[in-house]
């Protein structure tokens, strides 16, 4: 489904009859549907990782209040655009958990996305954190005034590829993976998930329960990450065999003020690196020919003229083993496609040189 509006919007942008306003709307459609498509693909990949036991949690001490607050703030504008009230309720004291911030944010975000998707304009969504000291836990409760669920659906809502009956809510559907992933991720943290609804048209309530950890007095949250300054102009080399991906990334880098070259094979990349002397190399892993991206990184590190470059593995291979191999080969960092542009800009700002 996301591909149809993307292709339609591209035809609109090419049309000589399209107005500037129509072109802007087409661009917004492409961006919105690309985000949707990325979420669908990520969900499918996560299903595979969970089934194979390949999800590795990067745990640290977290205040659950802050994770929920950030998730709500991220969706506040989307809720307003949909004509919905999105409210937040937090206890006065921190709720410390041992968790992976990315995966917990993903779980909470999925629940909130689900509530937004199935709540009509004018409705209300409330996300709250509730203390449950008698169970040594904290609960995240998301309530909405949306379409609700029948009792039979409540028993299957956390199963993969489960969707409500087709009909008036067809356009709201995804792959039926969001809540399955919520359950899997919360259970990996030692928690549990439940769903409740009084019936169709009466809204729904989802509760994510997570064990809390004892933290001594004086314990503090990690310092929030401050905004990074804009990256100084870099000499960037993109090594990528997918021509559209390479050229579009190079153009983005040039628009940010970086001098950028492109290579489509490992051999071409190494030759350009010796001639161009890049500050930063963004290299795909799966390259055609005898040498892959790991080999490129090793060759760059072995050459005195290029060994000081900041190497970024930019690849579709995103398993923990892939990250480890990238670092061992000589890359400074590993990004999974499609890379977040803000993250890439932060890396360029921090890169050596």
C-alpha atoms as a PDB file:
ATOM      1  CA  UNK A   1       0.000   0.000   0.000  1.00  0.00           C
ATOM      2  CA  UNK A   2       2.698   2.626   0.707  1.00  0.00           C
ATOM      3  CA  UNK A   3       4.158   2.099  -2.757  1.00  0.00           C
ATOM      4  CA  UNK A   4       0.986   3.237  -4.570  1.00  0.00           C
ATOM      5  CA  UNK A   5       0.871   6.801  -3.134  1.00  0.00           C
ATOM      6  CA  UNK A   6       4.645   7.093  -3.512  1.00  0.00           C
ATOM      7  CA  UNK A   7       4.451   6.289  -7.227  1.00  0.00           C
ATOM      8  CA  UNK A   8       1.389   8.511  -7.708  1.00  0.00           C
ATOM      9  CA  UNK A   9       3.179  11.382  -5.996  1.00  0.00           C
ATOM     10  CA  UNK A  10       6.229  10.949  -8.232  1.00  0.00           C
ATOM     11  CA  UNK A  11       3.986  11.286 -11.306  1.00  0.00           C
ATOM     12  CA  UNK A  12       2.511  14.461  -9.798  1.00  0.00           C
ATOM     13  CA  UNK A  13       5.987  15.928  -9.255  1.00  0.00           C
ATOM     14  CA  UNK A  14       6.867  15.221 -12.895  1.00  0.00           C
ATOM     15  CA  UNK A  15       3.673  16.800 -14.210  1.00  0.00           C
ATOM     16  CA  UNK A  16       4.003  20.257 -15.759  1.00  0.00           C
ATOM     17  CA  UNK A  17       0.408  20.985 -14.751  1.00  0.00           C
ATOM     18  CA  UNK A  18       1.008  20.439 -11.019  1.00  0.00           C
ATOM     19  CA  UNK A  19       0.963  23.590  -8.883  1.00  0.00           C
ATOM     20  CA  UNK A  20       3.576  24.353  -6.242  1.00  0.00           C
ATOM     21  CA  UNK A  21       1.051  23.472  -3.521  1.00  0.00           C
ATOM     22  CA  UNK A  22       0.288  20.132  -5.192  1.00  0.00           C
ATOM     23  CA  UNK A  23       4.012  19.411  -5.492  1.00  0.00           C
ATOM     24  CA  UNK A  24       4.538  20.165  -1.793  1.00  0.00           C
ATOM     25  CA  UNK A  25       1.650  17.878  -0.867  1.00  0.00           C
ATOM     26  CA  UNK A  26       3.140  15.124  -3.039  1.00  0.00           C
ATOM     27  CA  UNK A  27       6.486  15.497  -1.242  1.00  0.00           C
ATOM     28  CA  UNK A  28       4.748  15.245   2.122  1.00  0.00           C
ATOM     29  CA  UNK A  29       2.965  12.097   0.951  1.00  0.00           C
ATOM     30  CA  UNK A  30       6.228  10.497  -0.157  1.00  0.00           C
ATOM     31  CA  UNK A  31       7.886  11.308   3.168  1.00  0.00           C
ATOM     32  CA  UNK A  32       4.938  10.015   5.188  1.00  0.00           C
ATOM     33  CA  UNK A  33       4.656   6.780   3.199  1.00  0.00           C
ATOM     34  CA  UNK A  34       8.429   6.202   3.216  1.00  0.00           C
ATOM     35  CA  UNK A  35       8.346   6.368   7.021  1.00  0.00           C
ATOM     36  CA  UNK A  36       5.411   3.931   7.010  1.00  0.00           C
ATOM     37  CA  UNK A  37       7.216   1.561   4.649  1.00  0.00           C
ATOM     38  CA  UNK A  38      10.344   1.693   6.807  1.00  0.00           C
ATOM     39  CA  UNK A  39       8.287   0.736   9.868  1.00  0.00           C
ATOM     40  CA  UNK A  40       6.746  -2.212   8.012  1.00  0.00           C
ATOM     41  CA  UNK A  41      10.130  -3.526   6.897  1.00  0.00           C
ATOM     42  CA  UNK A  42      11.630  -3.010  10.365  1.00  0.00           C
ATOM     43  CA  UNK A  43       8.727  -4.928  11.909  1.00  0.00           C
ATOM     44  CA  UNK A  44       9.246  -7.833   9.507  1.00  0.00           C
ATOM     45  CA  UNK A  45      12.967  -7.911  10.253  1.00  0.00           C
ATOM     46  CA  UNK A  46      12.294  -7.836  13.989  1.00  0.00           C
ATOM     47  CA  UNK A  47       9.879 -10.762  13.652  1.00  0.00           C
ATOM     48  CA  UNK A  48      12.708 -12.735  12.064  1.00  0.00           C
ATOM     49  CA  UNK A  49      15.192 -11.701  14.756  1.00  0.00           C
ATOM     50  CA  UNK A  50      12.808 -12.610  17.560  1.00  0.00           C
ATOM     51  CA  UNK A  51      11.975 -16.006  16.055  1.00  0.00           C
ATOM     52  CA  UNK A  52      15.696 -16.769  15.767  1.00  0.00           C
ATOM     53  CA  UNK A  53      16.566 -15.381  19.206  1.00  0.00           C
ATOM     54  CA  UNK A  54      18.874 -12.771  17.668  1.00  0.00           C
ATOM     55  CA  UNK A  55      17.668  -9.630  19.426  1.00  0.00           C
ATOM     56  CA  UNK A  56      20.333  -8.427  21.825  1.00  0.00           C
ATOM     57  CA  UNK A  57      19.186  -5.951  24.465  1.00  0.00           C
ATOM     58  CA  UNK A  58      21.582  -3.123  25.315  1.00  0.00           C
ATOM     59  CA  UNK A  59      20.449  -2.647  28.889  1.00  0.00           C
ATOM     60  CA  UNK A  60      21.126   0.239  31.217  1.00  0.00           C
ATOM     61  CA  UNK A  61      19.351   1.939  34.091  1.00  0.00           C
ATOM     62  CA  UNK A  62      16.454   4.032  32.786  1.00  0.00           C
ATOM     63  CA  UNK A  63      13.714   6.189  34.226  1.00  0.00           C
ATOM     64  CA  UNK A  64      10.566   4.816  32.596  1.00  0.00           C
ATOM     65  CA  UNK A  65       8.906   8.202  33.056  1.00  0.00           C
ATOM     66  CA  UNK A  66      11.404   9.797  30.667  1.00  0.00           C
ATOM     67  CA  UNK A  67      11.026   7.066  28.050  1.00  0.00           C
ATOM     68  CA  UNK A  68       7.242   7.501  28.045  1.00  0.00           C
ATOM     69  CA  UNK A  69       7.514  11.295  28.063  1.00  0.00           C
ATOM     70  CA  UNK A  70       9.783  11.239  24.994  1.00  0.00           C
ATOM     71  CA  UNK A  71       7.492   8.798  23.158  1.00  0.00           C
ATOM     72  CA  UNK A  72       4.475  11.042  23.755  1.00  0.00           C
ATOM     73  CA  UNK A  73       6.356  14.175  22.710  1.00  0.00           C
ATOM     74  CA  UNK A  74       7.485  12.471  19.499  1.00  0.00           C
ATOM     75  CA  UNK A  75       3.851  11.828  18.514  1.00  0.00           C
ATOM     76  CA  UNK A  76       2.270  15.025  19.810  1.00  0.00           C
ATOM     77  CA  UNK A  77       2.342  16.812  16.439  1.00  0.00           C
ATOM     78  CA  UNK A  78       0.939  13.750  14.653  1.00  0.00           C
ATOM     79  CA  UNK A  79      -1.893  13.549  17.186  1.00  0.00           C
ATOM     80  CA  UNK A  80      -2.730  17.230  16.723  1.00  0.00           C
ATOM     81  CA  UNK A  81      -2.781  16.821  12.935  1.00  0.00           C
ATOM     82  CA  UNK A  82      -5.243  13.934  13.390  1.00  0.00           C
ATOM     83  CA  UNK A  83      -7.465  16.044  15.645  1.00  0.00           C
ATOM     84  CA  UNK A  84      -6.703  13.973  18.749  1.00  0.00           C
ATOM     85  CA  UNK A  85      -5.850  14.894  22.314  1.00  0.00           C
ATOM     86  CA  UNK A  86      -2.729  13.070  23.531  1.00  0.00           C
ATOM     87  CA  UNK A  87      -2.242  13.414  27.268  1.00  0.00           C
ATOM     88  CA  UNK A  88       0.524  12.314  29.614  1.00  0.00           C
ATOM     89  CA  UNK A  89       0.332  11.311  33.265  1.00  0.00           C
ATOM     90  CA  UNK A  90       3.486  10.549  35.263  1.00  0.00           C
ATOM     91  CA  UNK A  91       4.163   9.841  38.951  1.00  0.00           C
ATOM     92  CA  UNK A  92       6.285  12.278  40.924  1.00  0.00           C
ATOM     93  CA  UNK A  93       9.103   9.798  41.537  1.00  0.00           C
ATOM     94  CA  UNK A  94      11.334   8.137  38.893  1.00  0.00           C
ATOM     95  CA  UNK A  95      10.499   4.564  37.913  1.00  0.00           C
ATOM     96  CA  UNK A  96      13.861   2.895  37.387  1.00  0.00           C
ATOM     97  CA  UNK A  97      14.055  -0.136  35.136  1.00  0.00           C
ATOM     98  CA  UNK A  98      16.887  -2.164  33.637  1.00  0.00           C
ATOM     99  CA  UNK A  99      16.198  -1.889  29.942  1.00  0.00           C
ATOM    100  CA  UNK A 100      17.206  -1.153  26.397  1.00  0.00           C
ATOM    101  CA  UNK A 101      16.075   2.444  25.696  1.00  0.00           C
ATOM    102  CA  UNK A 102      15.685   1.857  21.957  1.00  0.00           C
ATOM    103  CA  UNK A 103      13.585  -1.281  22.327  1.00  0.00           C
ATOM    104  CA  UNK A 104      11.405   0.114  25.118  1.00  0.00           C
ATOM    105  CA  UNK A 105      10.826   3.267  23.069  1.00  0.00           C
ATOM    106  CA  UNK A 106       9.882   1.040  20.146  1.00  0.00           C
ATOM    107  CA  UNK A 107       7.362  -0.898  22.256  1.00  0.00           C
ATOM    108  CA  UNK A 108       5.754   2.228  23.722  1.00  0.00           C
ATOM    109  CA  UNK A 109       5.751   3.925  20.322  1.00  0.00           C
ATOM    110  CA  UNK A 110       3.976   0.939  18.756  1.00  0.00           C
ATOM    111  CA  UNK A 111       1.216   1.079  21.374  1.00  0.00           C
ATOM    112  CA  UNK A 112       0.772   4.824  20.888  1.00  0.00           C
ATOM    113  CA  UNK A 113       0.791   4.490  17.082  1.00  0.00           C
ATOM    114  CA  UNK A 114      -1.890   1.830  17.407  1.00  0.00           C
ATOM    115  CA  UNK A 115      -4.021   4.104  19.580  1.00  0.00           C
ATOM    116  CA  UNK A 116      -3.657   6.995  17.132  1.00  0.00           C
ATOM    117  CA  UNK A 117      -4.526   4.764  14.205  1.00  0.00           C
ATOM    118  CA  UNK A 118      -7.773   3.471  15.719  1.00  0.00           C
ATOM    119  CA  UNK A 119      -9.096   6.641  17.372  1.00  0.00           C
ATOM    120  CA  UNK A 120     -11.439   8.931  15.482  1.00  0.00           C
ATOM    121  CA  UNK A 121     -10.862  12.683  15.151  1.00  0.00           C
ATOM    122  CA  UNK A 122     -11.920  14.437  18.348  1.00  0.00           C
ATOM    123  CA  UNK A 123     -10.921  11.464  20.473  1.00  0.00           C
ATOM    124  CA  UNK A 124      -8.574  11.269  23.425  1.00  0.00           C
ATOM    125  CA  UNK A 125      -5.484   9.145  24.159  1.00  0.00           C
ATOM    126  CA  UNK A 126      -3.860   9.012  27.571  1.00  0.00           C
ATOM    127  CA  UNK A 127      -0.423   7.562  28.314  1.00  0.00           C
ATOM    128  CA  UNK A 128       0.364   7.159  32.006  1.00  0.00           C
ATOM    129  CA  UNK A 129       2.949   5.479  34.199  1.00  0.00           C
ATOM    130  CA  UNK A 130       1.536   3.811  37.287  1.00  0.00           C
ATOM    131  CA  UNK A 131       3.512   2.665  40.319  1.00  0.00           C
ATOM    132  CA  UNK A 132       2.846  -0.917  41.432  1.00  0.00           C
ATOM    133  CA  UNK A 133       5.159  -1.378  44.438  1.00  0.00           C
ATOM    134  CA  UNK A 134       3.267  -4.451  45.654  1.00  0.00           C
ATOM    135  CA  UNK A 135       4.406  -6.234  42.499  1.00  0.00           C
ATOM    136  CA  UNK A 136       7.852  -4.632  42.300  1.00  0.00           C
ATOM    137  CA  UNK A 137       6.811  -3.146  38.990  1.00  0.00           C
ATOM    138  CA  UNK A 138       5.743  -0.080  37.082  1.00  0.00           C
ATOM    139  CA  UNK A 139       2.963  -0.111  34.489  1.00  0.00           C
ATOM    140  CA  UNK A 140       2.603   1.932  31.325  1.00  0.00           C
ATOM    141  CA  UNK A 141      -1.112   2.328  30.609  1.00  0.00           C
ATOM    142  CA  UNK A 142      -2.308   3.646  27.239  1.00  0.00           C
ATOM    143  CA  UNK A 143      -6.055   4.329  27.008  1.00  0.00           C
ATOM    144  CA  UNK A 144      -7.938   5.558  23.968  1.00  0.00           C
ATOM    145  CA  UNK A 145     -11.533   6.409  23.039  1.00  0.00           C
ATOM    146  CA  UNK A 146     -11.217   4.647  19.699  1.00  0.00           C
ATOM    147  CA  UNK A 147     -12.973   1.822  17.887  1.00  0.00           C
ATOM    148  CA  UNK A 148     -12.368  -0.731  20.650  1.00  0.00           C
ATOM    149  CA  UNK A 149     -12.211  -4.512  20.286  1.00  0.00           C
ATOM    150  CA  UNK A 150     -14.580  -7.448  20.532  1.00  0.00           C
ATOM    151  CA  UNK A 151     -13.855 -10.095  23.228  1.00  0.00           C
ATOM    152  CA  UNK A 152     -12.720 -12.589  20.580  1.00  0.00           C
ATOM    153  CA  UNK A 153     -10.201 -10.094  19.236  1.00  0.00           C
ATOM    154  CA  UNK A 154      -8.787  -9.442  22.719  1.00  0.00           C
ATOM    155  CA  UNK A 155      -7.637 -13.051  22.869  1.00  0.00           C
ATOM    156  CA  UNK A 156      -5.660 -12.745  19.634  1.00  0.00           C
ATOM    157  CA  UNK A 157      -4.469  -9.151  19.596  1.00  0.00           C
ATOM    158  CA  UNK A 158      -0.845 -10.027  20.470  1.00  0.00           C
ATOM    159  CA  UNK A 159      -0.533 -12.783  17.867  1.00  0.00           C
ATOM    160  CA  UNK A 160       1.512 -11.995  14.724  1.00  0.00           C
ATOM    161  CA  UNK A 161      -0.342 -10.902  11.574  1.00  0.00           C
ATOM    162  CA  UNK A 162      -3.550 -10.425  13.556  1.00  0.00           C
ATOM    163  CA  UNK A 163      -5.939  -7.718  12.339  1.00  0.00           C
ATOM    164  CA  UNK A 164      -9.523  -6.791  13.047  1.00  0.00           C
ATOM    165  CA  UNK A 165     -12.103  -7.814  10.479  1.00  0.00           C
ATOM    166  CA  UNK A 166     -11.831  -6.012   7.166  1.00  0.00           C
ATOM    167  CA  UNK A 167     -14.365  -3.253   6.712  1.00  0.00           C
ATOM    168  CA  UNK A 168     -14.466   0.345   7.788  1.00  0.00           C
ATOM    169  CA  UNK A 169     -11.016   0.038   9.397  1.00  0.00           C
ATOM    170  CA  UNK A 170      -9.255  -1.484   6.373  1.00  0.00           C
ATOM    171  CA  UNK A 171      -7.297   1.691   5.660  1.00  0.00           C
ATOM    172  CA  UNK A 172      -6.021   1.730   9.235  1.00  0.00           C
ATOM    173  CA  UNK A 173      -4.443  -1.713   9.006  1.00  0.00           C
ATOM    174  CA  UNK A 174      -0.768  -2.547   8.769  1.00  0.00           C
ATOM    175  CA  UNK A 175       0.701  -6.022   8.877  1.00  0.00           C
ATOM    176  CA  UNK A 176      -0.700  -6.891  12.287  1.00  0.00           C
ATOM    177  CA  UNK A 177       2.787  -7.031  13.796  1.00  0.00           C
ATOM    178  CA  UNK A 178       2.942  -3.975  16.042  1.00  0.00           C
ATOM    179  CA  UNK A 179       1.381  -5.449  19.184  1.00  0.00           C
ATOM    180  CA  UNK A 180       3.106  -8.795  18.683  1.00  0.00           C
ATOM    181  CA  UNK A 181       6.419  -6.944  18.787  1.00  0.00           C
ATOM    182  CA  UNK A 182       5.300  -4.999  21.862  1.00  0.00           C
ATOM    183  CA  UNK A 183       4.603  -8.250  23.705  1.00  0.00           C
ATOM    184  CA  UNK A 184       7.877  -9.852  22.592  1.00  0.00           C
ATOM    185  CA  UNK A 185      10.016  -6.841  23.532  1.00  0.00           C
ATOM    186  CA  UNK A 186       8.368  -6.354  26.924  1.00  0.00           C
ATOM    187  CA  UNK A 187       8.716 -10.055  27.748  1.00  0.00           C
ATOM    188  CA  UNK A 188      12.409  -9.892  26.833  1.00  0.00           C
ATOM    189  CA  UNK A 189      12.631  -7.304  29.641  1.00  0.00           C
ATOM    190  CA  UNK A 190      10.916  -9.668  32.088  1.00  0.00           C
ATOM    191  CA  UNK A 191       7.579  -7.868  31.822  1.00  0.00           C
ATOM    192  CA  UNK A 192       4.063  -8.592  30.615  1.00  0.00           C
ATOM    193  CA  UNK A 193       1.408  -6.994  28.402  1.00  0.00           C
ATOM    194  CA  UNK A 194      -2.396  -7.071  28.624  1.00  0.00           C
ATOM    195  CA  UNK A 195      -5.214  -5.587  26.552  1.00  0.00           C
ATOM    196  CA  UNK A 196      -8.745  -4.669  27.593  1.00  0.00           C
ATOM    197  CA  UNK A 197     -11.789  -3.169  25.883  1.00  0.00           C
ATOM    198  CA  UNK A 198     -15.462  -2.816  26.767  1.00  0.00           C
ATOM    199  CA  UNK A 199     -16.343  -3.630  23.163  1.00  0.00           C
ATOM    200  CA  UNK A 200     -16.623  -2.066  19.732  1.00  0.00           C
ATOM    201  CA  UNK A 201     -16.815   1.711  19.834  1.00  0.00           C
ATOM    202  CA  UNK A 202     -15.796   1.849  23.490  1.00  0.00           C
ATOM    203  CA  UNK A 203     -12.055   2.355  23.253  1.00  0.00           C
ATOM    204  CA  UNK A 204      -9.201   0.160  24.443  1.00  0.00           C
ATOM    205  CA  UNK A 205      -6.589   0.003  27.164  1.00  0.00           C
ATOM    206  CA  UNK A 206      -3.158  -1.600  26.851  1.00  0.00           C
ATOM    207  CA  UNK A 207      -0.927  -2.119  29.867  1.00  0.00           C
ATOM    208  CA  UNK A 208       2.816  -2.791  29.738  1.00  0.00           C
ATOM    209  CA  UNK A 209       4.159  -3.979  33.096  1.00  0.00           C
ATOM    210  CA  UNK A 210       7.932  -3.901  33.743  1.00  0.00           C
ATOM    211  CA  UNK A 211       9.948  -4.869  36.829  1.00  0.00           C
ATOM    212  CA  UNK A 212      11.559  -1.908  38.598  1.00  0.00           C
ATOM    213  CA  UNK A 213      15.030  -1.909  40.130  1.00  0.00           C
ATOM    214  CA  UNK A 214      16.091  -0.486  43.457  1.00  0.00           C
ATOM    215  CA  UNK A 215      18.294   2.589  43.143  1.00  0.00           C
ATOM    216  CA  UNK A 216      20.020   4.157  46.118  1.00  0.00           C
ATOM    217  CA  UNK A 217      19.422   7.739  47.133  1.00  0.00           C
ATOM    218  CA  UNK A 218      21.306  10.253  45.037  1.00  0.00           C
ATOM    219  CA  UNK A 219      21.107   8.161  41.879  1.00  0.00           C
ATOM    220  CA  UNK A 220      20.656  10.387  38.877  1.00  0.00           C
ATOM    221  CA  UNK A 221      19.510  10.014  35.348  1.00  0.00           C
ATOM    222  CA  UNK A 222      22.106  10.035  32.622  1.00  0.00           C
ATOM    223  CA  UNK A 223      22.742  13.522  31.348  1.00  0.00           C
ATOM    224  CA  UNK A 224      20.561  14.282  28.336  1.00  0.00           C
ATOM    225  CA  UNK A 225      22.415  14.358  25.087  1.00  0.00           C
ATOM    226  CA  UNK A 226      22.900  17.944  24.017  1.00  0.00           C
ATOM    227  CA  UNK A 227      22.291  19.000  20.467  1.00  0.00           C
ATOM    228  CA  UNK A 228      25.347  18.681  18.290  1.00  0.00           C
ATOM    229  CA  UNK A 229      26.595  21.651  16.299  1.00  0.00           C
ATOM    230  CA  UNK A 230      26.391  21.530  12.541  1.00  0.00           C
ATOM    231  CA  UNK A 231      29.167  19.459  11.036  1.00  0.00           C
ATOM    232  CA  UNK A 232      32.096  21.398   9.562  1.00  0.00           C
ATOM    233  CA  UNK A 233      32.619  20.859   5.855  1.00  0.00           C
ATOM    234  CA  UNK A 234      34.093  17.399   5.251  1.00  0.00           C
ATOM    235  CA  UNK A 235      35.557  15.608   2.273  1.00  0.00           C
ATOM    236  CA  UNK A 236      33.202  12.627   1.967  1.00  0.00           C
ATOM    237  CA  UNK A 237      33.479   9.521  -0.195  1.00  0.00           C
ATOM    238  CA  UNK A 238      30.371   7.376  -0.739  1.00  0.00           C
ATOM    239  CA  UNK A 239      31.071   3.782  -1.853  1.00  0.00           C
ATOM    240  CA  UNK A 240      27.766   2.181  -2.821  1.00  0.00           C
ATOM    241  CA  UNK A 241      26.806  -0.039  -5.754  1.00  0.00           C
ATOM    242  CA  UNK A 242      23.136   1.032  -5.722  1.00  0.00           C
ATOM    243  CA  UNK A 243      23.317   4.054  -8.006  1.00  0.00           C
ATOM    244  CA  UNK A 244      20.180   5.833  -6.752  1.00  0.00           C
ATOM    245  CA  UNK A 245      21.189   5.347  -3.122  1.00  0.00           C
ATOM    246  CA  UNK A 246      24.735   6.576  -3.796  1.00  0.00           C
ATOM    247  CA  UNK A 247      23.792   9.641  -5.832  1.00  0.00           C
ATOM    248  CA  UNK A 248      20.961  10.726  -3.522  1.00  0.00           C
ATOM    249  CA  UNK A 249      23.160  10.413  -0.435  1.00  0.00           C
ATOM    250  CA  UNK A 250      25.956  12.324  -2.171  1.00  0.00           C
ATOM    251  CA  UNK A 251      23.523  15.092  -3.076  1.00  0.00           C
ATOM    252  CA  UNK A 252      22.309  15.342   0.538  1.00  0.00           C
ATOM    253  CA  UNK A 253      25.905  15.634   1.720  1.00  0.00           C
ATOM    254  CA  UNK A 254      26.659  18.321  -0.871  1.00  0.00           C
ATOM    255  CA  UNK A 255      23.561  20.267   0.173  1.00  0.00           C
ATOM    256  CA  UNK A 256      24.954  20.191   3.728  1.00  0.00           C
ATOM    257  CA  UNK A 257      28.174  21.780   2.444  1.00  0.00           C
ATOM    258  CA  UNK A 258      30.403  18.699   2.170  1.00  0.00           C
ATOM    259  CA  UNK A 259      32.650  18.014  -0.814  1.00  0.00           C
ATOM    260  CA  UNK A 260      31.567  14.570  -1.962  1.00  0.00           C
ATOM    261  CA  UNK A 261      32.725  11.907  -4.414  1.00  0.00           C
ATOM    262  CA  UNK A 262      30.924   8.665  -5.351  1.00  0.00           C
ATOM    263  CA  UNK A 263      32.242   5.213  -6.242  1.00  0.00           C
ATOM    264  CA  UNK A 264      30.183   2.183  -7.247  1.00  0.00           C
ATOM    265  CA  UNK A 265      32.712  -0.624  -6.680  1.00  0.00           C
ATOM    266  CA  UNK A 266      35.380  -1.473  -4.127  1.00  0.00           C
ATOM    267  CA  UNK A 267      38.257  -0.965  -6.583  1.00  0.00           C
ATOM    268  CA  UNK A 268      36.876   2.398  -7.728  1.00  0.00           C
ATOM    269  CA  UNK A 269      36.383   3.404  -4.104  1.00  0.00           C
ATOM    270  CA  UNK A 270      39.962   2.594  -3.114  1.00  0.00           C
ATOM    271  CA  UNK A 271      41.336   4.449  -6.155  1.00  0.00           C
ATOM    272  CA  UNK A 272      39.234   7.526  -5.404  1.00  0.00           C
ATOM    273  CA  UNK A 273      40.163   7.378  -1.725  1.00  0.00           C
ATOM    274  CA  UNK A 274      43.877   7.540  -2.576  1.00  0.00           C
ATOM    275  CA  UNK A 275      43.303  10.458  -4.951  1.00  0.00           C
ATOM    276  CA  UNK A 276      40.585  12.343  -3.064  1.00  0.00           C
ATOM    277  CA  UNK A 277      41.931  11.824   0.501  1.00  0.00           C
ATOM    278  CA  UNK A 278      38.474  11.842   2.167  1.00  0.00           C
ATOM    279  CA  UNK A 279      37.903  12.810   5.783  1.00  0.00           C
ATOM    280  CA  UNK A 280      34.910  10.461   5.913  1.00  0.00           C
ATOM    281  CA  UNK A 281      34.104   7.302   3.954  1.00  0.00           C
ATOM    282  CA  UNK A 282      30.554   5.954   3.900  1.00  0.00           C
ATOM    283  CA  UNK A 283      30.789   2.428   2.574  1.00  0.00           C
ATOM    284  CA  UNK A 284      28.236  -0.263   1.794  1.00  0.00           C
ATOM    285  CA  UNK A 285      29.104  -3.829   2.856  1.00  0.00           C
ATOM    286  CA  UNK A 286      27.563  -5.801  -0.008  1.00  0.00           C
ATOM    287  CA  UNK A 287      29.619  -4.640  -2.995  1.00  0.00           C
ATOM    288  CA  UNK A 288      30.000  -6.419  -6.361  1.00  0.00           C
ATOM    289  CA  UNK A 289      33.238  -8.181  -7.201  1.00  0.00           C
ATOM    290  CA  UNK A 290      35.841  -9.948  -5.116  1.00  0.00           C
ATOM    291  CA  UNK A 291      36.049  -7.337  -2.346  1.00  0.00           C
ATOM    292  CA  UNK A 292      33.195  -6.404  -0.016  1.00  0.00           C
ATOM    293  CA  UNK A 293      32.928  -3.432   2.339  1.00  0.00           C
ATOM    294  CA  UNK A 294      34.888  -5.204   5.073  1.00  0.00           C
ATOM    295  CA  UNK A 295      37.759  -5.610   2.636  1.00  0.00           C
ATOM    296  CA  UNK A 296      37.531  -1.940   1.685  1.00  0.00           C
ATOM    297  CA  UNK A 297      37.815  -0.908   5.327  1.00  0.00           C
ATOM    298  CA  UNK A 298      40.850  -3.136   5.896  1.00  0.00           C
ATOM    299  CA  UNK A 299      42.533  -1.808   2.744  1.00  0.00           C
ATOM    300  CA  UNK A 300      41.894   1.807   3.749  1.00  0.00           C
ATOM    301  CA  UNK A 301      43.376   1.198   7.195  1.00  0.00           C
ATOM    302  CA  UNK A 302      46.468  -0.475   5.710  1.00  0.00           C
ATOM    303  CA  UNK A 303      47.215   2.460   3.393  1.00  0.00           C
ATOM    304  CA  UNK A 304      49.110   5.331   5.025  1.00  0.00           C
ATOM    305  CA  UNK A 305      47.321   7.897   2.847  1.00  0.00           C
ATOM    306  CA  UNK A 306      43.809   6.800   3.894  1.00  0.00           C
ATOM    307  CA  UNK A 307      44.141   5.105   7.280  1.00  0.00           C
ATOM    308  CA  UNK A 308      43.079   8.198   9.263  1.00  0.00           C
ATOM    309  CA  UNK A 309      39.712   8.572   7.478  1.00  0.00           C
ATOM    310  CA  UNK A 310      36.562   8.166   9.589  1.00  0.00           C
ATOM    311  CA  UNK A 311      34.865   5.023   8.255  1.00  0.00           C
ATOM    312  CA  UNK A 312      31.091   4.556   8.438  1.00  0.00           C
ATOM    313  CA  UNK A 313      29.575   1.224   7.431  1.00  0.00           C
ATOM    314  CA  UNK A 314      26.244   2.111   5.809  1.00  0.00           C
ATOM    315  CA  UNK A 315      24.502  -1.168   5.094  1.00  0.00           C
ATOM    316  CA  UNK A 316      21.376  -3.266   5.120  1.00  0.00           C
ATOM    317  CA  UNK A 317      23.121  -5.846   7.321  1.00  0.00           C
ATOM    318  CA  UNK A 318      22.006  -4.925  10.832  1.00  0.00           C
ATOM    319  CA  UNK A 319      22.544  -7.970  13.064  1.00  0.00           C
ATOM    320  CA  UNK A 320      24.826  -7.764  16.089  1.00  0.00           C
ATOM    321  CA  UNK A 321      27.310 -10.027  14.293  1.00  0.00           C
ATOM    322  CA  UNK A 322      27.384  -7.576  11.366  1.00  0.00           C
ATOM    323  CA  UNK A 323      28.161  -4.677  13.705  1.00  0.00           C
ATOM    324  CA  UNK A 324      30.947  -6.652  15.341  1.00  0.00           C
ATOM    325  CA  UNK A 325      32.485  -7.602  11.979  1.00  0.00           C
ATOM    326  CA  UNK A 326      32.343  -3.985  10.799  1.00  0.00           C
ATOM    327  CA  UNK A 327      34.243  -2.732  13.831  1.00  0.00           C
ATOM    328  CA  UNK A 328      36.785  -5.544  13.572  1.00  0.00           C
ATOM    329  CA  UNK A 329      37.382  -4.695   9.894  1.00  0.00           C
ATOM    330  CA  UNK A 330      38.260  -1.110  10.806  1.00  0.00           C
ATOM    331  CA  UNK A 331      35.009   0.834  10.582  1.00  0.00           C
ATOM    332  CA  UNK A 332      34.501   3.473  13.249  1.00  0.00           C
ATOM    333  CA  UNK A 333      30.752   2.989  13.355  1.00  0.00           C
ATOM    334  CA  UNK A 334      27.933   0.987  11.786  1.00  0.00           C
ATOM    335  CA  UNK A 335      24.606   2.380  10.496  1.00  0.00           C
ATOM    336  CA  UNK A 336      21.747   0.274   9.163  1.00  0.00           C
ATOM    337  CA  UNK A 337      19.920   1.506   6.075  1.00  0.00           C
ATOM    338  CA  UNK A 338      17.985   3.698   5.794  1.00  0.00           C
ATOM    339  CA  UNK A 339      20.217   5.733   8.081  1.00  0.00           C
ATOM    340  CA  UNK A 340      18.677   8.535  10.092  1.00  0.00           C
ATOM    341  CA  UNK A 341      19.930  11.793   8.573  1.00  0.00           C
ATOM    342  CA  UNK A 342      20.194  13.537  11.950  1.00  0.00           C
ATOM    343  CA  UNK A 343      22.320  10.675  13.276  1.00  0.00           C
ATOM    344  CA  UNK A 344      24.546  10.860  10.197  1.00  0.00           C
ATOM    345  CA  UNK A 345      24.975  14.604  10.686  1.00  0.00           C
ATOM    346  CA  UNK A 346      25.991  14.052  14.306  1.00  0.00           C
ATOM    347  CA  UNK A 347      28.582  11.491  13.215  1.00  0.00           C
ATOM    348  CA  UNK A 348      29.997  13.897  10.645  1.00  0.00           C
ATOM    349  CA  UNK A 349      30.207  16.624  13.301  1.00  0.00           C
ATOM    350  CA  UNK A 350      32.074  14.273  15.659  1.00  0.00           C
ATOM    351  CA  UNK A 351      34.322  12.664  13.053  1.00  0.00           C
ATOM    352  CA  UNK A 352      38.052  13.029  13.496  1.00  0.00           C
ATOM    353  CA  UNK A 353      39.890  15.800  11.567  1.00  0.00           C
END
